[in-house]
Amino acid sequence: MLPPPTDNPTAASSPKQQSRTKHASSSSTANAHKKTSSNPKSTGPTIDALTANLETSKLGDPTPAEAVREFDFQQNSIKQLLLQPIPLPTNSSAEPNQAGKLNNPPPPSPGIPSDKDRVEQGGTTVGSDEVLDEADLPSYLIHKVNKEGGEFILRIGGKDDQTGRPMSLTEGEMDQALENLKVAASMVDCQTTLLVSRIREEDGERLAHVMVRRIPASAQELLELRVAVIGNVDAGKSTTLGVLTKGGLDDGRGRARVNLFRHKHEVESGRTSSVGMEIMGFDSKGVPVVEPSPSGSKDDPGRRMTWEEVCAKAAKVISFIDLAGHERYLKTTVFGMTGCLPDFVMLMVGANAGLIGMSKEHLGIALALSVPVIVCITKVDMTPAHILEATIKQLTKILKSPGCRKTPVFIRDMSDVVETALRIETERVCPVFQISNVTGQQLDLLRGFLNALPQASSAKFDPRRPFEFQISDTFSVPFVGTVVSGVVVSGRCKVGDSLLIGPDSLGQFSVTSVRSIQRKRVNVEVTSAGQSASFALKRIRKNQVRKGMVMLSRSDPAPKAHMEFEAEILCLYHSTTLSVGSCMVLHAASIRQTVRIVAIAKIDSTAAAVGSEKPVVRTGDRARLRLQFLRFPEYVKPGMKLITRE
């Protein structure tokens, strides 16, 4: 048994933690909780099996009044909704204008919010999921759009989601359904895009997938996905991002990546050493937002657009987190994976080299954090056929191995893109793209896949909970003051709100207020859970803030910082053993600090004896540790995912 903690323990209660070092490394997945519990033994050989029984602490369920009520469409099948006529007032036109809205739109149906209402509520419609009076197509669309976070993909044809019977649409009915969908979307400030349409060979069933996306009223309504780009050094990470975000193609000598580098030595060496940020925009029709080339050729990049220009034209923004591939910068890569809260991970694999070096380390970190993985095999234009075949075989073997248990899906057309995008979060599929930044092979499919990726679920980022913002970077801006950037984990915040920021070196929280808020360098009034944002703060100096701090809404009782906490860990790899007194670097959210093991209690086996019955942790062991920060207390809470490295 562990001795009683020196202060209120906080624990990490989620199944992942790794520790790695340049020469010998130790890996562990951790889970923190406030009470000791005995868990059943888990003997599976995979990460998932070993961590399946780790206790996960829930942060509380919403009250019944907060629970979202579902829209009852059982009386009307999807087919009936799509084919029933949509009544339009005589003063309205069924043809949408260039913005995707009707020229003279009818008044919204009951429960459908206006643009002004959405802006005042911070880009997320609150209460719009309540049961409406009539089950018509516009009401169904606005319900689904709000439920899915601003967009969703509607499957037309095949089995009806409501009745379970085949739709069996004729060619005329399919055309009518698509036209009704277009008109209904225009009535609720949305836009439709036909992603793929085909006839199934087995039974002749007509199928179509349509993207329905809300037209944002302002920058604070922009849809956002964060994608971390990882892989071994020289795998083509920065070059691929340069081609995706700027348009055009690479010249084979690194022209596309130059604009992404932040430091002079990166330009000279061609290697990323910091966490780079770049954005890619899609408009409401799913078209990438890039400046056309002056020559009119798609192969030549156009003028570099500013973030403000991209956000002005975009409805969805992909935030790429360009991480370092060199072994020397592993701590920077781990911080980017934990502190920036990526929704997806894009693993770059050079076709001429295969999955080597740090690629395996990065893949292990992504699996430990349970982040969906997308694989891009680069440089296929310069790789001999037999080398490419060997790389694909190696990649397939690793993805199917017991440690990964992923099903690789090699993307060949738009149908594969849509089906994989719909399944990537719920099933263990891993899409694989074979791209070339010089010839442009499969880049259109990759862009289409990024456009179709779903938003993070409300279970991950809940806007109804108290405000919490984790700080991943700090700045001092002339004539503005102290600025902090990061990700809003929960809740909402608007300009002028009074917040708590901390903990400082003594574990105390200070009171501050929000001077202004920016999203993607665009001023906004409100920010909500799941969004990346920057806050200009009042009454706070630059030397008072650091990475790893949090901003919280004022509450009673006041938040506490802790020097010690308990964690359930899984040691993924260590060359020797971990014992009491061992030190390692802890990554938890935006926290990065050295911790010392104060006590060890084994969970799934008896304590190993070394000398005088001293408990130790070896590779594959699950144990409960009490960890102590060496420098200053941090704000940790139950459910945080931890990664440690030496």
Foldseek 3Di string as FASTA:
>chain_A
DDDDDPDQFFFAQDFFAQAADPPFKWWKWKFFHRDDDFWAFFDDPASCRRRVGGDFDDPDDDDPVQDQDAADPLVPFPLRQLQDDDDDDPPWDLDADPLLATPDADDDAPLQDDLVQCQVVQQADGPSRDYGDDDHNLSVVSNVCNQQQFKAKDKDFDATPNPRHTSQDDPVSVVSSVSSNSSSLNNRQKHKAWLDWDADPPPRITMTIIMIGHAHPALSNAAEAEEEEEEAPPLCRQQLVLCQAQFAFDPVPCPSRQVFEDDPVCNVVVFHQAWTKDKWFAASRLHTDHDACPVNDRNDTHDRDALVVRSVGGRYMYIYTYFTNDPVRVVRSLLCCQAQVGQAYEYGAELQPARDDCSVVSVLSCVSVVHQYEYEHEPPVPHDPVSNVVRVVVVCCVCCDSHNNAAEDEDDDSVSLQVCLVCRNPDRYYYYYYAYRHVGPCVVSVSSSVSNHTGDHCSFEPQVDWWKWAFQDWDQDPPQAIKTKGFTRYHKDFAFAWKWKDDFQAFDIDIKGFHWKDASNHTGGMHGHGGIIMTRIPPDHRVRDDHQMMITHDDPPGATFDQKHKMKMAIQAGPPKAFFQDKWWKHWHRDTFIKGWHDKAFRNDHADQDPHSTGIGHHGGIIMTMIGGDGGTHRHHGNIIMYIYD
